[in-house]
Amino acid sequence: MTLSKTRTSFYRRLYVAHLIASERAVSVPAIVEATGMPRRTAQDTLSALAELDIVCVFEQTQGERHHIGRYVVRDWGPIDASWVAANAFSLAGALGYPQPNA
């Protein structure tokens, strides 16, 4: 089954939020490594989480400079985080991403 651009975008946002919330990937380079998506796509996806009312913020590590820190999901908004976690394997598969480790 071929996914529409809308569905692919939605799944990608959910999956990236899941990677951050589960602490599997909390930086742009880690998201790129976990998914294989281009850096610009990862950055755009992080910015687009707000469109789903997912509150994701960058927390700079205290005492560090040059944007050293991590992304954190503060609020999932209307999204059921437990559903996303339970379906992460399927989301990754639908997007053609490497399967997450259990």
C-alpha atoms as a PDB file:
ATOM      1  CA  MET A   1       0.000   0.000   0.000  1.00  0.00           C
ATOM      2  CA  THR A   2       1.367   3.401  -0.974  1.00  0.00           C
ATOM      3  CA  LEU A   3       0.877   6.107   1.629  1.00  0.00           C
ATOM      4  CA  SER A   4      -0.268   9.596   0.717  1.00  0.00           C
ATOM      5  CA  LYS A   5       2.029  12.540   1.394  1.00  0.00           C
ATOM      6  CA  THR A   6      -0.347  13.662   4.134  1.00  0.00           C
ATOM      7  CA  ARG A   7      -0.265  10.304   5.911  1.00  0.00           C
ATOM      8  CA  THR A   8       3.505   9.968   5.508  1.00  0.00           C
ATOM      9  CA  SER A   9       3.998  13.433   7.021  1.00  0.00           C
ATOM     10  CA  PHE A  10       1.661  12.617   9.904  1.00  0.00           C
ATOM     11  CA  TYR A  11       3.367   9.281  10.638  1.00  0.00           C
ATOM     12  CA  ARG A  12       6.814  10.889  10.420  1.00  0.00           C
ATOM     13  CA  ARG A  13       5.828  13.521  12.991  1.00  0.00           C
ATOM     14  CA  LEU A  14       4.381  10.918  15.341  1.00  0.00           C
ATOM     15  CA  TYR A  15       7.452   8.724  15.010  1.00  0.00           C
ATOM     16  CA  VAL A  16       9.924  11.551  15.614  1.00  0.00           C
ATOM     17  CA  ALA A  17       7.963  12.657  18.693  1.00  0.00           C
ATOM     18  CA  HIS A  18       8.072   9.051  19.901  1.00  0.00           C
ATOM     19  CA  LEU A  19      11.839   8.822  19.374  1.00  0.00           C
ATOM     20  CA  ILE A  20      12.296  11.958  21.453  1.00  0.00           C
ATOM     21  CA  ALA A  21       9.825  10.987  24.193  1.00  0.00           C
ATOM     22  CA  SER A  22      11.360   7.523  24.524  1.00  0.00           C
ATOM     23  CA  GLU A  23      14.834   9.112  24.612  1.00  0.00           C
ATOM     24  CA  ARG A  24      16.000   6.994  21.665  1.00  0.00           C
ATOM     25  CA  ALA A  25      16.868  10.102  19.663  1.00  0.00           C
ATOM     26  CA  VAL A  26      16.938  13.517  21.339  1.00  0.00           C
ATOM     27  CA  SER A  27      18.961  15.528  18.819  1.00  0.00           C
ATOM     28  CA  VAL A  28      18.802  16.175  15.097  1.00  0.00           C
ATOM     29  CA  PRO A  29      21.874  13.975  14.397  1.00  0.00           C
ATOM     30  CA  ALA A  30      20.359  11.162  16.488  1.00  0.00           C
ATOM     31  CA  ILE A  31      17.035  11.425  14.617  1.00  0.00           C
ATOM     32  CA  VAL A  32      18.902  11.294  11.297  1.00  0.00           C
ATOM     33  CA  GLU A  33      20.808   8.218  12.478  1.00  0.00           C
ATOM     34  CA  ALA A  34      17.693   6.455  13.800  1.00  0.00           C
ATOM     35  CA  THR A  35      15.605   7.068  10.687  1.00  0.00           C
ATOM     36  CA  GLY A  36      17.935   7.690   7.790  1.00  0.00           C
ATOM     37  CA  MET A  37      15.996  10.828   6.876  1.00  0.00           C
ATOM     38  CA  PRO A  38      17.930  13.855   5.612  1.00  0.00           C
ATOM     39  CA  ARG A  39      18.960  16.416   8.223  1.00  0.00           C
ATOM     40  CA  ARG A  40      16.710  19.099   6.737  1.00  0.00           C
ATOM     41  CA  THR A  41      13.705  16.741   6.876  1.00  0.00           C
ATOM     42  CA  ALA A  42      14.452  16.022  10.547  1.00  0.00           C
ATOM     43  CA  GLN A  43      14.650  19.748  11.293  1.00  0.00           C
ATOM     44  CA  ASP A  44      11.435  20.466   9.382  1.00  0.00           C
ATOM     45  CA  THR A  45       9.669  17.593  11.152  1.00  0.00           C
ATOM     46  CA  LEU A  46      10.681  18.939  14.567  1.00  0.00           C
ATOM     47  CA  SER A  47       9.317  22.357  13.618  1.00  0.00           C
ATOM     48  CA  ALA A  48       6.081  20.810  12.340  1.00  0.00           C
ATOM     49  CA  LEU A  49       5.274  18.992  15.595  1.00  0.00           C
ATOM     50  CA  ALA A  50       3.571  22.173  16.804  1.00  0.00           C
ATOM     51  CA  GLU A  51       1.040  21.813  13.980  1.00  0.00           C
ATOM     52  CA  LEU A  52      -0.212  18.687  15.790  1.00  0.00           C
ATOM     53  CA  ASP A  53      -0.169  20.554  19.126  1.00  0.00           C
ATOM     54  CA  ILE A  54       2.770  18.437  20.267  1.00  0.00           C
ATOM     55  CA  VAL A  55       4.923  20.656  22.472  1.00  0.00           C
ATOM     56  CA  CYS A  56       8.551  19.763  21.823  1.00  0.00           C
ATOM     57  CA  VAL A  57      11.267  22.029  23.169  1.00  0.00           C
ATOM     58  CA  PHE A  58      15.039  22.138  23.043  1.00  0.00           C
ATOM     59  CA  GLU A  59      16.676  22.156  26.454  1.00  0.00           C
ATOM     60  CA  GLN A  60      20.226  23.406  26.426  1.00  0.00           C
ATOM     61  CA  THR A  61      22.513  21.540  28.791  1.00  0.00           C
ATOM     62  CA  GLN A  62      23.358  23.796  31.709  1.00  0.00           C
ATOM     63  CA  GLY A  63      26.837  25.235  31.419  1.00  0.00           C
ATOM     64  CA  GLU A  64      27.194  24.250  27.751  1.00  0.00           C
ATOM     65  CA  ARG A  65      27.348  26.547  24.743  1.00  0.00           C
ATOM     66  CA  HIS A  66      26.653  26.178  21.046  1.00  0.00           C
ATOM     67  CA  HIS A  67      23.264  24.501  21.311  1.00  0.00           C
ATOM     68  CA  ILE A  68      24.406  21.410  23.169  1.00  0.00           C
ATOM     69  CA  GLY A  69      21.362  19.780  24.694  1.00  0.00           C
ATOM     70  CA  ARG A  70      18.342  17.684  23.861  1.00  0.00           C
ATOM     71  CA  TYR A  71      14.770  17.837  22.622  1.00  0.00           C
ATOM     72  CA  VAL A  72      12.006  16.967  25.072  1.00  0.00           C
ATOM     73  CA  VAL A  73       8.302  16.368  24.431  1.00  0.00           C
ATOM     74  CA  ARG A  74       6.476  18.386  27.075  1.00  0.00           C
ATOM     75  CA  ASP A  75       2.913  17.729  25.925  1.00  0.00           C
ATOM     76  CA  TRP A  76       1.399  15.398  23.343  1.00  0.00           C
ATOM     77  CA  GLY A  77      -1.691  17.583  22.912  1.00  0.00           C
ATOM     78  CA  PRO A  78      -4.528  15.546  21.395  1.00  0.00           C
ATOM     79  CA  ILE A  79      -2.239  12.657  20.424  1.00  0.00           C
ATOM     80  CA  ASP A  80      -2.351   9.438  22.461  1.00  0.00           C
ATOM     81  CA  ALA A  81       1.322   8.833  23.266  1.00  0.00           C
ATOM     82  CA  SER A  82       0.631   5.262  24.387  1.00  0.00           C
ATOM     83  CA  TRP A  83      -0.917   4.464  20.987  1.00  0.00           C
ATOM     84  CA  VAL A  84       2.136   5.905  19.227  1.00  0.00           C
ATOM     85  CA  ALA A  85       4.480   3.865  21.445  1.00  0.00           C
ATOM     86  CA  ALA A  86       2.468   0.687  20.872  1.00  0.00           C
ATOM     87  CA  ASN A  87       2.522   1.260  17.102  1.00  0.00           C
ATOM     88  CA  ALA A  88       6.100   2.549  16.704  1.00  0.00           C
ATOM     89  CA  PHE A  89       7.173  -0.651  14.948  1.00  0.00           C
ATOM     90  CA  SER A  90       4.360  -0.279  12.375  1.00  0.00           C
ATOM     91  CA  LEU A  91       5.027   3.435  11.899  1.00  0.00           C
ATOM     92  CA  ALA A  92       8.726   2.793  11.250  1.00  0.00           C
ATOM     93  CA  GLY A  93       7.848   0.047   8.780  1.00  0.00           C
ATOM     94  CA  ALA A  94       5.328   2.186   6.923  1.00  0.00           C
ATOM     95  CA  LEU A  95       7.924   4.942   6.595  1.00  0.00           C
ATOM     96  CA  GLY A  96      10.717   2.582   5.530  1.00  0.00           C
ATOM     97  CA  TYR A  97      12.787   3.399   8.620  1.00  0.00           C
ATOM     98  CA  PRO A  98      14.932   0.865  10.497  1.00  0.00           C
ATOM     99  CA  GLN A  99      12.901  -0.968  13.100  1.00  0.00           C
ATOM    100  CA  PRO A 100      13.268   0.374  16.642  1.00  0.00           C
ATOM    101  CA  ASN A 101      14.891  -1.806  19.253  1.00  0.00           C
ATOM    102  CA  ALA A 102      12.534  -3.135  21.862  1.00  0.00           C
END
